[in-house]
PDB file of N, CA and C in Angstrom:
ATOM      1  N   MET A   1      83.827 156.156  58.993  1.00  0.00           N
ATOM      2  CA  MET A   1      84.758 156.324  60.127  1.00  0.00           C
ATOM      3  C   MET A   1      84.411 155.449  61.257  1.00  0.00           C
ATOM      4  N   ALA A   2      85.368 155.051  62.039  1.00  0.00           N
ATOM      5  CA  ALA A   2      85.071 154.165  63.211  1.00  0.00           C
ATOM      6  C   ALA A   2      84.385 154.972  64.286  1.00  0.00           C
ATOM      7  N   ASN A   3      83.379 154.229  64.887  1.00  0.00           N
ATOM      8  CA  ASN A   3      82.574 154.836  65.924  1.00  0.00           C
ATOM      9  C   ASN A   3      82.876 154.352  67.309  1.00  0.00           C
ATOM     10  N   THR A   4      83.016 152.963  67.412  1.00  0.00           N
ATOM     11  CA  THR A   4      83.360 152.452  68.724  1.00  0.00           C
ATOM     12  C   THR A   4      84.775 152.592  69.161  1.00  0.00           C
ATOM     13  N   LYS A   5      84.957 152.429  70.478  1.00  0.00           N
ATOM     14  CA  LYS A   5      86.327 152.504  70.962  1.00  0.00           C
ATOM     15  C   LYS A   5      87.231 151.487  70.409  1.00  0.00           C
ATOM     16  N   SER A   6      86.741 150.272  70.218  1.00  0.00           N
ATOM     17  CA  SER A   6      87.570 149.130  69.748  1.00  0.00           C
ATOM     18  C   SER A   6      87.869 149.345  68.239  1.00  0.00           C
ATOM     19  N   ALA A   7      86.851 149.918  67.482  1.00  0.00           N
ATOM     20  CA  ALA A   7      87.014 150.095  66.056  1.00  0.00           C
ATOM     21  C   ALA A   7      88.129 151.204  65.840  1.00  0.00           C
ATOM     22  N   LYS A   8      88.105 152.234  66.722  1.00  0.00           N
ATOM     23  CA  LYS A   8      89.027 153.300  66.561  1.00  0.00           C
ATOM     24  C   LYS A   8      90.454 152.777  66.844  1.00  0.00           C
ATOM     25  N   LYS A   9      90.557 151.882  67.851  1.00  0.00           N
ATOM     26  CA  LYS A   9      91.900 151.271  68.173  1.00  0.00           C
ATOM     27  C   LYS A   9      92.368 150.416  66.982  1.00  0.00           C
ATOM     28  N   ALA A  10      91.442 149.606  66.352  1.00  0.00           N
ATOM     29  CA  ALA A  10      91.767 148.755  65.279  1.00  0.00           C
ATOM     30  C   ALA A  10      92.287 149.597  64.098  1.00  0.00           C
ATOM     31  N   ALA A  11      91.607 150.727  63.884  1.00  0.00           N
ATOM     32  CA  ALA A  11      92.001 151.646  62.739  1.00  0.00           C
ATOM     33  C   ALA A  11      93.403 152.164  62.973  1.00  0.00           C
ATOM     34  N   ARG A  12      93.754 152.505  64.287  1.00  0.00           N
ATOM     35  CA  ARG A  12      95.071 153.005  64.563  1.00  0.00           C
ATOM     36  C   ARG A  12      96.094 151.924  64.343  1.00  0.00           C
ATOM     37  N   GLN A  13      95.763 150.745  64.773  1.00  0.00           N
ATOM     38  CA  GLN A  13      96.712 149.601  64.666  1.00  0.00           C
ATOM     39  C   GLN A  13      96.985 149.235  63.166  1.00  0.00           C
ATOM     40  N   ALA A  14      95.879 149.381  62.366  1.00  0.00           N
ATOM     41  CA  ALA A  14      95.962 149.020  60.946  1.00  0.00           C
ATOM     42  C   ALA A  14      96.929 149.989  60.273  1.00  0.00           C
ATOM     43  N   VAL A  15      96.897 151.291  60.633  1.00  0.00           N
ATOM     44  CA  VAL A  15      97.775 152.238  60.097  1.00  0.00           C
ATOM     45  C   VAL A  15      99.200 151.921  60.415  1.00  0.00           C
ATOM     46  N   ARG A  16      99.442 151.603  61.742  1.00  0.00           N
ATOM     47  CA  ARG A  16     100.762 151.309  62.189  1.00  0.00           C
ATOM     48  C   ARG A  16     101.312 150.047  61.509  1.00  0.00           C
ATOM     49  N   ARG A  17     100.475 149.017  61.400  1.00  0.00           N
ATOM     50  CA  ARG A  17     100.892 147.772  60.741  1.00  0.00           C
ATOM     51  C   ARG A  17     101.174 147.998  59.314  1.00  0.00           C
ATOM     52  N   THR A  18     100.421 148.817  58.620  1.00  0.00           N
ATOM     53  CA  THR A  18     100.613 149.128  57.193  1.00  0.00           C
ATOM     54  C   THR A  18     102.052 149.738  56.981  1.00  0.00           C
ATOM     55  N   GLU A  19     102.431 150.610  57.845  1.00  0.00           N
ATOM     56  CA  GLU A  19     103.741 151.251  57.718  1.00  0.00           C
ATOM     57  C   GLU A  19     104.797 150.183  57.903  1.00  0.00           C
ATOM     58  N   VAL A  20     104.641 149.362  58.872  1.00  0.00           N
ATOM     59  CA  VAL A  20     105.721 148.285  59.155  1.00  0.00           C
ATOM     60  C   VAL A  20     105.776 147.348  57.961  1.00  0.00           C
ATOM     61  N   ASN A  21     104.620 146.924  57.494  1.00  0.00           N
ATOM     62  CA  ASN A  21     104.584 146.056  56.242  1.00  0.00           C
ATOM     63  C   ASN A  21     105.170 146.685  55.020  1.00  0.00           C
ATOM     64  N   LYS A  22     104.921 147.922  54.834  1.00  0.00           N
ATOM     65  CA  LYS A  22     105.512 148.604  53.702  1.00  0.00           C
ATOM     66  C   LYS A  22     107.050 148.543  53.800  1.00  0.00           C
ATOM     67  N   ALA A  23     107.585 148.787  54.991  1.00  0.00           N
ATOM     68  CA  ALA A  23     108.987 148.702  55.121  1.00  0.00           C
ATOM     69  C   ALA A  23     109.576 147.320  54.843  1.00  0.00           C
ATOM     70  N   ARG A  24     108.768 146.289  55.334  1.00  0.00           N
ATOM     71  CA  ARG A  24     109.221 144.894  55.106  1.00  0.00           C
ATOM     72  C   ARG A  24     109.211 144.595  53.651  1.00  0.00           C
ATOM     73  N   ILE A  25     108.150 144.952  52.936  1.00  0.00           N
ATOM     74  CA  ILE A  25     108.057 144.715  51.470  1.00  0.00           C
ATOM     75  C   ILE A  25     109.216 145.431  50.725  1.00  0.00           C
ATOM     76  N   SER A  26     109.460 146.681  51.123  1.00  0.00           N
ATOM     77  CA  SER A  26     110.498 147.442  50.503  1.00  0.00           C
ATOM     78  C   SER A  26     111.871 146.746  50.703  1.00  0.00           C
ATOM     79  N   ARG A  27     112.106 146.234  51.881  1.00  0.00           N
ATOM     80  CA  ARG A  27     113.387 145.602  52.268  1.00  0.00           C
ATOM     81  C   ARG A  27     113.582 144.303  51.351  1.00  0.00           C
ATOM     82  N   ALA A  28     112.453 143.610  51.268  1.00  0.00           N
ATOM     83  CA  ALA A  28     112.500 142.313  50.475  1.00  0.00           C
ATOM     84  C   ALA A  28     112.771 142.689  48.964  1.00  0.00           C
ATOM     85  N   ARG A  29     112.033 143.684  48.432  1.00  0.00           N
ATOM     86  CA  ARG A  29     112.244 144.027  47.040  1.00  0.00           C
ATOM     87  C   ARG A  29     113.737 144.544  46.764  1.00  0.00           C
ATOM     88  N   SER A  30     114.204 145.230  47.728  1.00  0.00           N
ATOM     89  CA  SER A  30     115.580 145.834  47.576  1.00  0.00           C
ATOM     90  C   SER A  30     116.603 144.682  47.525  1.00  0.00           C
ATOM     91  N   ALA A  31     116.406 143.708  48.404  1.00  0.00           N
ATOM     92  CA  ALA A  31     117.322 142.574  48.484  1.00  0.00           C
ATOM     93  C   ALA A  31     117.273 141.776  47.164  1.00  0.00           C
ATOM     94  N   THR A  32     116.040 141.531  46.699  1.00  0.00           N
ATOM     95  CA  THR A  32     115.943 140.865  45.432  1.00  0.00           C
ATOM     96  C   THR A  32     116.563 141.649  44.275  1.00  0.00           C
ATOM     97  N   ARG A  33     116.321 142.916  44.284  1.00  0.00           N
ATOM     98  CA  ARG A  33     116.964 143.745  43.296  1.00  0.00           C
ATOM     99  C   ARG A  33     118.462 143.708  43.250  1.00  0.00           C
ATOM    100  N   ARG A  34     119.083 143.670  44.489  1.00  0.00           N
ATOM    101  CA  ARG A  34     120.542 143.562  44.551  1.00  0.00           C
ATOM    102  C   ARG A  34     121.013 142.273  43.930  1.00  0.00           C
ATOM    103  N   VAL A  35     120.319 141.181  44.159  1.00  0.00           N
ATOM    104  CA  VAL A  35     120.672 139.900  43.544  1.00  0.00           C
ATOM    105  C   VAL A  35     120.638 139.993  42.030  1.00  0.00           C
ATOM    106  N   GLU A  36     119.459 140.541  41.531  1.00  0.00           N
ATOM    107  CA  GLU A  36     119.310 140.629  40.148  1.00  0.00           C
ATOM    108  C   GLU A  36     120.325 141.571  39.406  1.00  0.00           C
ATOM    109  N   GLU A  37     120.666 142.611  40.064  1.00  0.00           N
ATOM    110  CA  GLU A  37     121.679 143.551  39.542  1.00  0.00           C
ATOM    111  C   GLU A  37     123.069 142.874  39.474  1.00  0.00           C
ATOM    112  N   ALA A  38     123.412 142.034  40.438  1.00  0.00           N
ATOM    113  CA  ALA A  38     124.693 141.330  40.464  1.00  0.00           C
ATOM    114  C   ALA A  38     124.696 140.308  39.302  1.00  0.00           C
ATOM    115  N   ILE A  39     123.537 139.632  39.123  1.00  0.00           N
ATOM    116  CA  ILE A  39     123.410 138.604  38.084  1.00  0.00           C
ATOM    117  C   ILE A  39     123.577 139.340  36.682  1.00  0.00           C
ATOM    118  N   ALA A  40     122.854 140.532  36.573  1.00  0.00           N
ATOM    119  CA  ALA A  40     123.031 141.252  35.244  1.00  0.00           C
ATOM    120  C   ALA A  40     124.438 141.707  34.994  1.00  0.00           C
ATOM    121  N   ALA A  41     125.114 142.014  36.013  1.00  0.00           N
ATOM    122  CA  ALA A  41     126.534 142.458  35.965  1.00  0.00           C
ATOM    123  C   ALA A  41     127.443 141.369  35.605  1.00  0.00           C
ATOM    124  N   GLY A  42     126.993 140.149  35.866  1.00  0.00           N
ATOM    125  CA  GLY A  42     127.764 138.984  35.608  1.00  0.00           C
ATOM    126  C   GLY A  42     128.814 138.581  36.639  1.00  0.00           C
ATOM    127  N   ASN A  43     128.627 139.175  37.846  1.00  0.00           N
ATOM    128  CA  ASN A  43     129.453 138.904  39.009  1.00  0.00           C
ATOM    129  C   ASN A  43     128.938 137.734  39.838  1.00  0.00           C
ATOM    130  N   LYS A  44     129.421 136.563  39.697  1.00  0.00           N
ATOM    131  CA  LYS A  44     128.847 135.376  40.449  1.00  0.00           C
ATOM    132  C   LYS A  44     129.044 135.540  41.892  1.00  0.00           C
ATOM    133  N   THR A  45     130.260 136.023  42.372  1.00  0.00           N
ATOM    134  CA  THR A  45     130.490 136.060  43.750  1.00  0.00           C
ATOM    135  C   THR A  45     129.652 137.044  44.425  1.00  0.00           C
ATOM    136  N   ALA A  46     129.484 138.207  43.768  1.00  0.00           N
ATOM    137  CA  ALA A  46     128.623 139.246  44.323  1.00  0.00           C
ATOM    138  C   ALA A  46     127.098 138.799  44.378  1.00  0.00           C
ATOM    139  N   ALA A  47     126.715 138.074  43.277  1.00  0.00           N
ATOM    140  CA  ALA A  47     125.347 137.578  43.174  1.00  0.00           C
ATOM    141  C   ALA A  47     125.134 136.507  44.350  1.00  0.00           C
ATOM    142  N   ALA A  48     126.166 135.624  44.606  1.00  0.00           N
ATOM    143  CA  ALA A  48     126.004 134.693  45.669  1.00  0.00           C
ATOM    144  C   ALA A  48     125.939 135.321  47.033  1.00  0.00           C
ATOM    145  N   GLU A  49     126.722 136.326  47.184  1.00  0.00           N
ATOM    146  CA  GLU A  49     126.711 137.109  48.526  1.00  0.00           C
ATOM    147  C   GLU A  49     125.364 137.811  48.710  1.00  0.00           C
ATOM    148  N   ALA A  50     124.874 138.413  47.641  1.00  0.00           N
ATOM    149  CA  ALA A  50     123.597 139.099  47.702  1.00  0.00           C
ATOM    150  C   ALA A  50     122.429 138.168  47.956  1.00  0.00           C
ATOM    151  N   LEU A  51     122.533 136.995  47.340  1.00  0.00           N
ATOM    152  CA  LEU A  51     121.504 135.882  47.607  1.00  0.00           C
ATOM    153  C   LEU A  51     121.551 135.390  49.010  1.00  0.00           C
ATOM    154  N   LYS A  52     122.776 135.291  49.564  1.00  0.00           N
ATOM    155  CA  LYS A  52     122.972 134.843  50.979  1.00  0.00           C
ATOM    156  C   LYS A  52     122.277 135.783  51.961  1.00  0.00           C
ATOM    157  N   SER A  53     122.387 137.074  51.582  1.00  0.00           N
ATOM    158  CA  SER A  53     121.742 138.111  52.497  1.00  0.00           C
ATOM    159  C   SER A  53     120.244 138.221  52.191  1.00  0.00           C
ATOM    160  N   ALA A  54     119.785 138.007  50.991  1.00  0.00           N
ATOM    161  CA  ALA A  54     118.381 138.167  50.666  1.00  0.00           C
ATOM    162  C   ALA A  54     117.535 137.043  51.081  1.00  0.00           C
ATOM    163  N   THR A  55     118.102 135.797  51.257  1.00  0.00           N
ATOM    164  CA  THR A  55     117.343 134.652  51.606  1.00  0.00           C
ATOM    165  C   THR A  55     116.602 134.880  53.001  1.00  0.00           C
ATOM    166  N   PRO A  56     117.355 135.239  54.047  1.00  0.00           N
ATOM    167  CA  PRO A  56     116.687 135.387  55.332  1.00  0.00           C
ATOM    168  C   PRO A  56     115.724 136.555  55.346  1.00  0.00           C
ATOM    169  N   ILE A  57     115.946 137.592  54.560  1.00  0.00           N
ATOM    170  CA  ILE A  57     115.090 138.729  54.511  1.00  0.00           C
ATOM    171  C   ILE A  57     113.675 138.297  53.922  1.00  0.00           C
ATOM    172  N   LEU A  58     113.788 137.433  52.811  1.00  0.00           N
ATOM    173  CA  LEU A  58     112.536 137.005  52.245  1.00  0.00           C
ATOM    174  C   LEU A  58     111.824 135.960  53.184  1.00  0.00           C
ATOM    175  N   ALA A  59     112.593 135.214  53.880  1.00  0.00           N
ATOM    176  CA  ALA A  59     112.000 134.255  54.801  1.00  0.00           C
ATOM    177  C   ALA A  59     111.294 134.953  55.985  1.00  0.00           C
ATOM    178  N   ARG A  60     111.924 135.989  56.449  1.00  0.00           N
ATOM    179  CA  ARG A  60     111.382 136.789  57.563  1.00  0.00           C
ATOM    180  C   ARG A  60     110.110 137.476  57.095  1.00  0.00           C
ATOM    181  N   THR A  61     110.066 137.982  55.843  1.00  0.00           N
ATOM    182  CA  THR A  61     108.925 138.637  55.301  1.00  0.00           C
ATOM    183  C   THR A  61     107.722 137.704  55.208  1.00  0.00           C
ATOM    184  N   ALA A  62     107.995 136.465  54.831  1.00  0.00           N
ATOM    185  CA  ALA A  62     106.992 135.407  54.774  1.00  0.00           C
ATOM    186  C   ALA A  62     106.524 135.074  56.209  1.00  0.00           C
ATOM    187  N   GLN A  63     107.459 134.938  57.048  1.00  0.00           N
ATOM    188  CA  GLN A  63     107.141 134.496  58.432  1.00  0.00           C
ATOM    189  C   GLN A  63     106.254 135.562  59.152  1.00  0.00           C
ATOM    190  N   LYS A  64     106.407 136.848  58.826  1.00  0.00           N
ATOM    191  CA  LYS A  64     105.615 137.831  59.474  1.00  0.00           C
ATOM    192  C   LYS A  64     104.240 137.964  58.725  1.00  0.00           C
ATOM    193  N   GLY A  65     104.043 137.289  57.683  1.00  0.00           N
ATOM    194  CA  GLY A  65     102.745 137.263  57.071  1.00  0.00           C
ATOM    195  C   GLY A  65     102.594 138.288  56.019  1.00  0.00           C
ATOM    196  N   VAL A  66     103.622 139.039  55.697  1.00  0.00           N
ATOM    197  CA  VAL A  66     103.522 140.098  54.648  1.00  0.00           C
ATOM    198  C   VAL A  66     103.516 139.462  53.244  1.00  0.00           C
ATOM    199  N   MET A  67     104.216 138.400  53.079  1.00  0.00           N
ATOM    200  CA  MET A  67     104.292 137.672  51.832  1.00  0.00           C
ATOM    201  C   MET A  67     103.949 136.191  52.114  1.00  0.00           C
ATOM    202  N   HIS A  68     103.294 135.514  51.196  1.00  0.00           N
ATOM    203  CA  HIS A  68     103.076 134.134  51.430  1.00  0.00           C
ATOM    204  C   HIS A  68     104.270 133.310  51.444  1.00  0.00           C
ATOM    205  N   LYS A  69     104.360 132.330  52.268  1.00  0.00           N
ATOM    206  CA  LYS A  69     105.638 131.528  52.395  1.00  0.00           C
ATOM    207  C   LYS A  69     105.987 130.876  51.127  1.00  0.00           C
ATOM    208  N   LYS A  70     105.025 130.411  50.294  1.00  0.00           N
ATOM    209  CA  LYS A  70     105.442 129.775  49.029  1.00  0.00           C
ATOM    210  C   LYS A  70     105.938 130.798  48.016  1.00  0.00           C
ATOM    211  N   THR A  71     105.445 132.023  48.139  1.00  0.00           N
ATOM    212  CA  THR A  71     105.967 133.140  47.230  1.00  0.00           C
ATOM    213  C   THR A  71     107.460 133.380  47.528  1.00  0.00           C
ATOM    214  N   ALA A  72     107.665 133.533  48.790  1.00  0.00           N
ATOM    215  CA  ALA A  72     109.111 133.778  49.214  1.00  0.00           C
ATOM    216  C   ALA A  72     109.948 132.616  48.847  1.00  0.00           C
ATOM    217  N   SER A  73     109.531 131.431  49.036  1.00  0.00           N
ATOM    218  CA  SER A  73     110.271 130.222  48.663  1.00  0.00           C
ATOM    219  C   SER A  73     110.531 130.203  47.180  1.00  0.00           C
ATOM    220  N   ARG A  74     109.512 130.537  46.420  1.00  0.00           N
ATOM    221  CA  ARG A  74     109.662 130.538  44.970  1.00  0.00           C
ATOM    222  C   ARG A  74     110.671 131.603  44.492  1.00  0.00           C
ATOM    223  N   LYS A  75     110.648 132.713  45.064  1.00  0.00           N
ATOM    224  CA  LYS A  75     111.584 133.789  44.707  1.00  0.00           C
ATOM    225  C   LYS A  75     113.030 133.430  45.051  1.00  0.00           C
ATOM    226  N   VAL A  76     113.272 132.799  46.218  1.00  0.00           N
ATOM    227  CA  VAL A  76     114.576 132.373  46.573  1.00  0.00           C
ATOM    228  C   VAL A  76     115.046 131.262  45.636  1.00  0.00           C
ATOM    229  N   SER A  77     114.101 130.338  45.315  1.00  0.00           N
ATOM    230  CA  SER A  77     114.518 129.169  44.403  1.00  0.00           C
ATOM    231  C   SER A  77     114.894 129.714  43.052  1.00  0.00           C
ATOM    232  N   ARG A  78     114.158 130.622  42.526  1.00  0.00           N
ATOM    233  CA  ARG A  78     114.430 131.140  41.174  1.00  0.00           C
ATOM    234  C   ARG A  78     115.727 131.973  41.102  1.00  0.00           C
ATOM    235  N   LEU A  79     115.917 132.708  42.155  1.00  0.00           N
ATOM    236  CA  LEU A  79     117.134 133.507  42.250  1.00  0.00           C
ATOM    237  C   LEU A  79     118.349 132.613  42.385  1.00  0.00           C
ATOM    238  N   SER A  80     118.182 131.590  43.242  1.00  0.00           N
ATOM    239  CA  SER A  80     119.355 130.687  43.361  1.00  0.00           C
ATOM    240  C   SER A  80     119.667 129.892  42.134  1.00  0.00           C
ATOM    241  N   ALA A  81     118.593 129.509  41.372  1.00  0.00           N
ATOM    242  CA  ALA A  81     118.840 128.786  40.127  1.00  0.00           C
ATOM    243  C   ALA A  81     119.505 129.699  39.104  1.00  0.00           C
ATOM    244  N   ARG A  82     119.233 130.925  39.112  1.00  0.00           N
ATOM    245  CA  ARG A  82     119.849 131.946  38.175  1.00  0.00           C
ATOM    246  C   ARG A  82     121.313 132.130  38.541  1.00  0.00           C
ATOM    247  N   VAL A  83     121.560 132.207  39.869  1.00  0.00           N
ATOM    248  CA  VAL A  83     122.941 132.376  40.340  1.00  0.00           C
ATOM    249  C   VAL A  83     123.772 131.106  39.978  1.00  0.00           C
ATOM    250  N   LYS A  84     123.187 129.987  40.226  1.00  0.00           N
ATOM    251  CA  LYS A  84     123.867 128.728  39.993  1.00  0.00           C
ATOM    252  C   LYS A  84     124.187 128.539  38.462  1.00  0.00           C
ATOM    253  N   ALA A  85     123.306 129.046  37.634  1.00  0.00           N
ATOM    254  CA  ALA A  85     123.437 128.900  36.158  1.00  0.00           C
ATOM    255  C   ALA A  85     124.481 129.825  35.608  1.00  0.00           C
ATOM    256  N   MET A  86     124.933 130.785  36.374  1.00  0.00           N
ATOM    257  CA  MET A  86     125.912 131.788  35.897  1.00  0.00           C
ATOM    258  C   MET A  86     127.277 131.175  35.620  1.00  0.00           C
ATOM    259  N   ALA A  87     127.938 131.641  34.627  1.00  0.00           N
ATOM    260  CA  ALA A  87     129.323 131.169  34.277  1.00  0.00           C
ATOM    261  C   ALA A  87     130.253 131.701  35.326  1.00  0.00           C
ATOM    262  N   ASN A  88     131.281 130.971  35.598  1.00  0.00           N
ATOM    263  CA  ASN A  88     132.261 131.372  36.590  1.00  0.00           C
ATOM    264  C   ASN A  88     133.123 132.500  35.911  1.00  0.00           C
TER     265      ASN A  88
END
């Protein structure tokens, strides 16, 4: 357990940041899942719209340091390739 005043504060901040980061990860996963569900359903317009809304969420997640920027970029790239490959 933390003993010094600064260590106690750091522990409190870590708990708070963990909660925020969990929410950000959850939001990114949900956005990704919505794109994948639209792809699985075969609806190209819905998949494109879902991708359009998921891209900034993934970018923001990376910008905040929750996810590595190249991980977010790779996810967006792979999702967009799958949407692009869909039949009209």
